[in-house]
Amino acid sequence: SALKFAAKYPDYIEKIILSNPLGIKGAPIYKLDENGKPTQERAKTDEDVLSHPFAQSTKAAIQQKDKEKIKPLIGMFVFSGKTKPTEEKMESYLEDWFLSRSCDRILILLNGFNISNEHNGANQGTNEVAQIKSKVLILQGGKDAFVPSTDIEELQKNLKVETEVKVFPDAGHAVLEDD
């Protein structure tokens, strides 16, 4: 991610612009209880992540090129703001999703990502957030269904540099599409 690069190479970066960035503790996938309901316990292993019904159904839909199962995910995660994709754009997004051969790995990485100085339930943080020296501008979609505003607030609180958050109230995760 841009933040990890900025932490590793602080002298190369003067300013960073992030659009709905992943939280500094990743995007959790929670274990399910015996009734299939999410618990407050984060998945700790790759197997925990991969056995989650969301991971299994998404992987199957991508492998089967099931447009009707993937369209709602694109709508929810990408186009949750004011802009709705044209059929042509949706087809382009579908083709991109169907090219993905790393759905499993992406979910594992999202769950395990942690540049904070705390444990996130899956991994101890690396505290790389403290290494970032450049100014940061965060573009936040007010209707983003993927990155909660609490993740943006936590990032801003943990950055020890000049940080500005610009909220686009009617934008979803695809801020640049919506505004």
C-alpha atoms as a PDB file:
ATOM      1  CA  SER A   1       0.000   0.000   0.000  1.00  0.00           C
ATOM      2  CA  ALA A   2       1.020   3.635  -0.335  1.00  0.00           C
ATOM      3  CA  LEU A   3       1.294   3.922   3.447  1.00  0.00           C
ATOM      4  CA  LYS A   4       3.660   0.959   3.723  1.00  0.00           C
ATOM      5  CA  PHE A   5       5.800   2.429   0.918  1.00  0.00           C
ATOM      6  CA  ALA A   6       5.832   5.837   2.649  1.00  0.00           C
ATOM      7  CA  ALA A   7       6.864   4.174   5.924  1.00  0.00           C
ATOM      8  CA  LYS A   8       9.662   2.192   4.273  1.00  0.00           C
ATOM      9  CA  TYR A   9      10.949   5.029   2.071  1.00  0.00           C
ATOM     10  CA  PRO A  10      10.072   8.270   3.908  1.00  0.00           C
ATOM     11  CA  ASP A  11      12.655  10.325   1.987  1.00  0.00           C
ATOM     12  CA  TYR A  12      11.031   9.470  -1.373  1.00  0.00           C
ATOM     13  CA  ILE A  13       7.591  10.787  -0.484  1.00  0.00           C
ATOM     14  CA  GLU A  14       6.624  14.417   0.039  1.00  0.00           C
ATOM     15  CA  LYS A  15       2.836  14.089  -0.012  1.00  0.00           C
ATOM     16  CA  ILE A  16       0.332  11.239  -0.187  1.00  0.00           C
ATOM     17  CA  ILE A  17      -3.230  11.336  -1.474  1.00  0.00           C
ATOM     18  CA  LEU A  18      -5.338   8.372  -0.360  1.00  0.00           C
ATOM     19  CA  SER A  19      -8.825   7.583  -1.604  1.00  0.00           C
ATOM     20  CA  ASN A  20     -10.852   5.658   0.999  1.00  0.00           C
ATOM     21  CA  PRO A  21      -7.754   3.923   2.354  1.00  0.00           C
ATOM     22  CA  LEU A  22      -7.785   0.612   4.122  1.00  0.00           C
ATOM     23  CA  GLY A  23      -7.727   1.023   7.888  1.00  0.00           C
ATOM     24  CA  ILE A  24      -4.370   0.748   9.628  1.00  0.00           C
ATOM     25  CA  LYS A  25      -5.597  -2.518  11.183  1.00  0.00           C
ATOM     26  CA  GLY A  26      -6.872  -3.991   7.905  1.00  0.00           C
ATOM     27  CA  ALA A  27     -10.371  -5.102   6.953  1.00  0.00           C
ATOM     28  CA  PRO A  28     -11.489  -7.774   9.396  1.00  0.00           C
ATOM     29  CA  ILE A  29     -13.133 -11.028   8.511  1.00  0.00           C
ATOM     30  CA  TYR A  30     -14.858 -12.327  11.611  1.00  0.00           C
ATOM     31  CA  LYS A  31     -15.276 -15.943  12.614  1.00  0.00           C
ATOM     32  CA  LEU A  32     -18.806 -17.304  12.602  1.00  0.00           C
ATOM     33  CA  ASP A  33     -20.585 -18.965  15.506  1.00  0.00           C
ATOM     34  CA  GLU A  34     -22.339 -22.355  15.286  1.00  0.00           C
ATOM     35  CA  ASN A  35     -25.427 -20.606  13.822  1.00  0.00           C
ATOM     36  CA  GLY A  36     -23.433 -18.905  11.067  1.00  0.00           C
ATOM     37  CA  LYS A  37     -23.610 -15.453  12.694  1.00  0.00           C
ATOM     38  CA  PRO A  38     -20.497 -13.245  12.863  1.00  0.00           C
ATOM     39  CA  THR A  39     -18.720 -13.141  16.215  1.00  0.00           C
ATOM     40  CA  GLN A  40     -16.424 -10.415  17.523  1.00  0.00           C
ATOM     41  CA  GLU A  41     -13.438 -12.735  17.022  1.00  0.00           C
ATOM     42  CA  ARG A  42     -11.331 -11.945  14.000  1.00  0.00           C
ATOM     43  CA  ALA A  43     -10.160 -14.751  11.733  1.00  0.00           C
ATOM     44  CA  LYS A  44      -6.609 -15.600  12.795  1.00  0.00           C
ATOM     45  CA  THR A  45      -5.457 -18.081  10.184  1.00  0.00           C
ATOM     46  CA  ASP A  46      -5.611 -18.322   6.404  1.00  0.00           C
ATOM     47  CA  GLU A  47      -7.943 -21.295   6.850  1.00  0.00           C
ATOM     48  CA  ASP A  48     -10.302 -19.197   9.009  1.00  0.00           C
ATOM     49  CA  VAL A  49     -10.463 -16.555   6.274  1.00  0.00           C
ATOM     50  CA  LEU A  50     -10.870 -19.031   3.417  1.00  0.00           C
ATOM     51  CA  SER A  51     -13.592 -21.010   5.187  1.00  0.00           C
ATOM     52  CA  HIS A  52     -15.740 -17.896   5.608  1.00  0.00           C
ATOM     53  CA  PRO A  53     -18.895 -18.113   3.448  1.00  0.00           C
ATOM     54  CA  PHE A  54     -18.174 -14.705   1.875  1.00  0.00           C
ATOM     55  CA  ALA A  55     -14.733 -15.883   0.749  1.00  0.00           C
ATOM     56  CA  GLN A  56     -16.097 -19.166  -0.577  1.00  0.00           C
ATOM     57  CA  SER A  57     -19.056 -17.655  -2.427  1.00  0.00           C
ATOM     58  CA  THR A  58     -16.972 -14.835  -3.937  1.00  0.00           C
ATOM     59  CA  LYS A  59     -14.297 -17.240  -5.136  1.00  0.00           C
ATOM     60  CA  ALA A  60     -16.930 -19.564  -6.636  1.00  0.00           C
ATOM     61  CA  ALA A  61     -18.713 -16.666  -8.369  1.00  0.00           C
ATOM     62  CA  ILE A  62     -15.446 -15.455  -9.885  1.00  0.00           C
ATOM     63  CA  GLN A  63     -14.451 -18.954 -11.035  1.00  0.00           C
ATOM     64  CA  GLN A  64     -17.905 -19.527 -12.561  1.00  0.00           C
ATOM     65  CA  LYS A  65     -18.003 -16.000 -14.026  1.00  0.00           C
ATOM     66  CA  ASP A  66     -21.386 -15.555 -12.371  1.00  0.00           C
ATOM     67  CA  LYS A  67     -22.299 -11.971 -13.238  1.00  0.00           C
ATOM     68  CA  GLU A  68     -25.471 -11.970 -11.132  1.00  0.00           C
ATOM     69  CA  LYS A  69     -23.505 -12.769  -7.952  1.00  0.00           C
ATOM     70  CA  ILE A  70     -20.668 -10.325  -8.625  1.00  0.00           C
ATOM     71  CA  LYS A  71     -22.748  -7.314  -9.766  1.00  0.00           C
ATOM     72  CA  PRO A  72     -24.179  -6.673  -6.272  1.00  0.00           C
ATOM     73  CA  LEU A  73     -20.668  -6.806  -4.770  1.00  0.00           C
ATOM     74  CA  ILE A  74     -19.404  -4.255  -7.271  1.00  0.00           C
ATOM     75  CA  GLY A  75     -22.481  -2.139  -6.590  1.00  0.00           C
ATOM     76  CA  MET A  76     -22.039  -2.335  -2.826  1.00  0.00           C
ATOM     77  CA  PHE A  77     -18.274  -1.911  -2.609  1.00  0.00           C
ATOM     78  CA  VAL A  78     -17.486   0.290  -5.593  1.00  0.00           C
ATOM     79  CA  PHE A  79     -20.654   2.140  -6.567  1.00  0.00           C
ATOM     80  CA  SER A  80     -22.300   2.818  -3.210  1.00  0.00           C
ATOM     81  CA  GLY A  81     -22.433   6.567  -3.898  1.00  0.00           C
ATOM     82  CA  LYS A  82     -24.401   8.717  -6.289  1.00  0.00           C
ATOM     83  CA  THR A  83     -22.924   7.377  -9.527  1.00  0.00           C
ATOM     84  CA  LYS A  84     -24.304   4.142 -10.900  1.00  0.00           C
ATOM     85  CA  PRO A  85     -22.258   2.401 -13.574  1.00  0.00           C
ATOM     86  CA  THR A  86     -23.385   2.244 -17.158  1.00  0.00           C
ATOM     87  CA  GLU A  87     -23.848  -1.255 -18.559  1.00  0.00           C
ATOM     88  CA  GLU A  88     -20.576  -0.806 -20.446  1.00  0.00           C
ATOM     89  CA  LYS A  89     -18.684   0.187 -17.283  1.00  0.00           C
ATOM     90  CA  MET A  90     -20.274  -2.655 -15.300  1.00  0.00           C
ATOM     91  CA  GLU A  91     -19.185  -5.131 -17.989  1.00  0.00           C
ATOM     92  CA  SER A  92     -15.661  -3.731 -17.754  1.00  0.00           C
ATOM     93  CA  TYR A  93     -15.659  -4.145 -13.963  1.00  0.00           C
ATOM     94  CA  LEU A  94     -17.022  -7.680 -14.271  1.00  0.00           C
ATOM     95  CA  GLU A  95     -14.275  -8.641 -16.718  1.00  0.00           C
ATOM     96  CA  ASP A  96     -11.668  -7.235 -14.320  1.00  0.00           C
ATOM     97  CA  TRP A  97     -13.118  -9.213 -11.396  1.00  0.00           C
ATOM     98  CA  PHE A  98     -13.220 -12.380 -13.485  1.00  0.00           C
ATOM     99  CA  LEU A  99      -9.511 -11.986 -14.286  1.00  0.00           C
ATOM    100  CA  SER A 100      -8.768 -12.157 -10.567  1.00  0.00           C
ATOM    101  CA  ARG A 101      -6.972 -15.344  -9.640  1.00  0.00           C
ATOM    102  CA  SER A 102      -6.001 -14.071  -6.213  1.00  0.00           C
ATOM    103  CA  CYS A 103      -9.326 -13.514  -4.439  1.00  0.00           C
ATOM    104  CA  ASP A 104      -8.197 -15.806  -1.607  1.00  0.00           C
ATOM    105  CA  ARG A 105      -4.895 -14.002  -1.155  1.00  0.00           C
ATOM    106  CA  ILE A 106      -6.524 -10.559  -1.219  1.00  0.00           C
ATOM    107  CA  LEU A 107      -8.938 -11.484   1.570  1.00  0.00           C
ATOM    108  CA  ILE A 108      -6.104 -12.970   3.638  1.00  0.00           C
ATOM    109  CA  LEU A 109      -4.020  -9.818   3.155  1.00  0.00           C
ATOM    110  CA  LEU A 110      -6.922  -7.478   3.976  1.00  0.00           C
ATOM    111  CA  ASN A 111      -7.653  -9.376   7.181  1.00  0.00           C
ATOM    112  CA  GLY A 112      -4.008  -9.540   8.272  1.00  0.00           C
ATOM    113  CA  PHE A 113      -2.881  -6.016   7.316  1.00  0.00           C
ATOM    114  CA  ASN A 114      -1.757  -4.114  10.414  1.00  0.00           C
ATOM    115  CA  ILE A 115       0.552  -1.090  10.410  1.00  0.00           C
ATOM    116  CA  SER A 116      -0.719   0.118  13.790  1.00  0.00           C
ATOM    117  CA  ASN A 117       1.105  -0.281  17.099  1.00  0.00           C
ATOM    118  CA  GLU A 118      -1.577  -2.635  18.467  1.00  0.00           C
ATOM    119  CA  HIS A 119      -2.744  -6.179  17.899  1.00  0.00           C
ATOM    120  CA  ASN A 120      -5.709  -6.281  15.500  1.00  0.00           C
ATOM    121  CA  GLY A 121      -7.002  -9.694  16.569  1.00  0.00           C
ATOM    122  CA  ALA A 122      -5.034 -11.493  13.855  1.00  0.00           C
ATOM    123  CA  ASN A 123      -1.549  -9.965  13.987  1.00  0.00           C
ATOM    124  CA  GLN A 124       0.606  -7.714  16.098  1.00  0.00           C
ATOM    125  CA  GLY A 125       0.975  -4.328  14.419  1.00  0.00           C
ATOM    126  CA  THR A 126       4.246  -3.303  12.801  1.00  0.00           C
ATOM    127  CA  ASN A 127       3.869   0.349  13.898  1.00  0.00           C
ATOM    128  CA  GLU A 128       4.854   1.430  10.380  1.00  0.00           C
ATOM    129  CA  VAL A 129       2.284   4.219  10.680  1.00  0.00           C
ATOM    130  CA  ALA A 130       4.779   5.996  12.982  1.00  0.00           C
ATOM    131  CA  GLN A 131       7.432   5.963  10.219  1.00  0.00           C
ATOM    132  CA  ILE A 132       5.358   8.070   7.802  1.00  0.00           C
ATOM    133  CA  LYS A 133       6.832  11.562   7.463  1.00  0.00           C
ATOM    134  CA  SER A 134       4.930  13.038   4.510  1.00  0.00           C
ATOM    135  CA  LYS A 135       1.767  15.120   4.505  1.00  0.00           C
ATOM    136  CA  VAL A 136      -1.397  13.098   3.887  1.00  0.00           C
ATOM    137  CA  LEU A 137      -4.639  14.034   2.146  1.00  0.00           C
ATOM    138  CA  ILE A 138      -7.457  11.517   2.574  1.00  0.00           C
ATOM    139  CA  LEU A 139     -10.424  11.540   0.199  1.00  0.00           C
ATOM    140  CA  GLN A 140     -13.374   9.912   1.939  1.00  0.00           C
ATOM    141  CA  GLY A 141     -16.675   8.884   0.410  1.00  0.00           C
ATOM    142  CA  GLY A 142     -19.468   9.610   2.858  1.00  0.00           C
ATOM    143  CA  LYS A 143     -21.384   6.573   1.567  1.00  0.00           C
ATOM    144  CA  ASP A 144     -18.437   4.181   1.330  1.00  0.00           C
ATOM    145  CA  ALA A 145     -19.704   0.694   2.198  1.00  0.00           C
ATOM    146  CA  PHE A 146     -16.204  -0.815   2.359  1.00  0.00           C
ATOM    147  CA  VAL A 147     -14.096   1.565   4.486  1.00  0.00           C
ATOM    148  CA  PRO A 148     -15.923   2.717   7.629  1.00  0.00           C
ATOM    149  CA  SER A 149     -15.414   6.324   8.735  1.00  0.00           C
ATOM    150  CA  THR A 150     -13.979   4.981  12.012  1.00  0.00           C
ATOM    151  CA  ASP A 151     -11.042   3.557  10.015  1.00  0.00           C
ATOM    152  CA  ILE A 152     -10.371   6.999   8.533  1.00  0.00           C
ATOM    153  CA  GLU A 153     -10.579   8.609  11.985  1.00  0.00           C
ATOM    154  CA  GLU A 154      -8.169   6.025  13.438  1.00  0.00           C
ATOM    155  CA  LEU A 155      -5.703   6.581  10.585  1.00  0.00           C
ATOM    156  CA  GLN A 156      -5.842  10.334  11.037  1.00  0.00           C
ATOM    157  CA  LYS A 157      -5.375   9.996  14.811  1.00  0.00           C
ATOM    158  CA  ASN A 158      -2.344   7.720  14.408  1.00  0.00           C
ATOM    159  CA  LEU A 159      -0.521   9.687  11.730  1.00  0.00           C
ATOM    160  CA  LYS A 160       2.016  12.014  13.328  1.00  0.00           C
ATOM    161  CA  VAL A 161       2.084  14.323  10.309  1.00  0.00           C
ATOM    162  CA  GLU A 162      -0.090  17.016   8.807  1.00  0.00           C
ATOM    163  CA  THR A 163      -3.238  15.235   7.680  1.00  0.00           C
ATOM    164  CA  GLU A 164      -6.377  16.527   5.998  1.00  0.00           C
ATOM    165  CA  VAL A 165      -9.571  14.578   5.386  1.00  0.00           C
ATOM    166  CA  LYS A 166     -11.829  15.765   2.577  1.00  0.00           C
ATOM    167  CA  VAL A 167     -15.272  14.134   2.806  1.00  0.00           C
ATOM    168  CA  PHE A 168     -17.436  13.818  -0.284  1.00  0.00           C
ATOM    169  CA  PRO A 169     -20.874  13.213   1.300  1.00  0.00           C
ATOM    170  CA  ASP A 170     -22.568  11.634  -1.744  1.00  0.00           C
ATOM    171  CA  ALA A 171     -19.589   9.552  -2.850  1.00  0.00           C
ATOM    172  CA  GLY A 172     -19.121   5.860  -2.246  1.00  0.00           C
ATOM    173  CA  HIS A 173     -15.879   3.883  -2.307  1.00  0.00           C
ATOM    174  CA  ALA A 174     -15.176   5.097  -5.850  1.00  0.00           C
ATOM    175  CA  VAL A 175     -14.726   8.758  -4.867  1.00  0.00           C
ATOM    176  CA  LEU A 176     -13.209   9.639  -8.226  1.00  0.00           C
ATOM    177  CA  GLU A 177     -16.207   8.119 -10.027  1.00  0.00           C
ATOM    178  CA  ASP A 178     -18.694  10.020  -7.866  1.00  0.00           C
ATOM    179  CA  ASP A 179     -16.885  13.359  -7.528  1.00  0.00           C
END
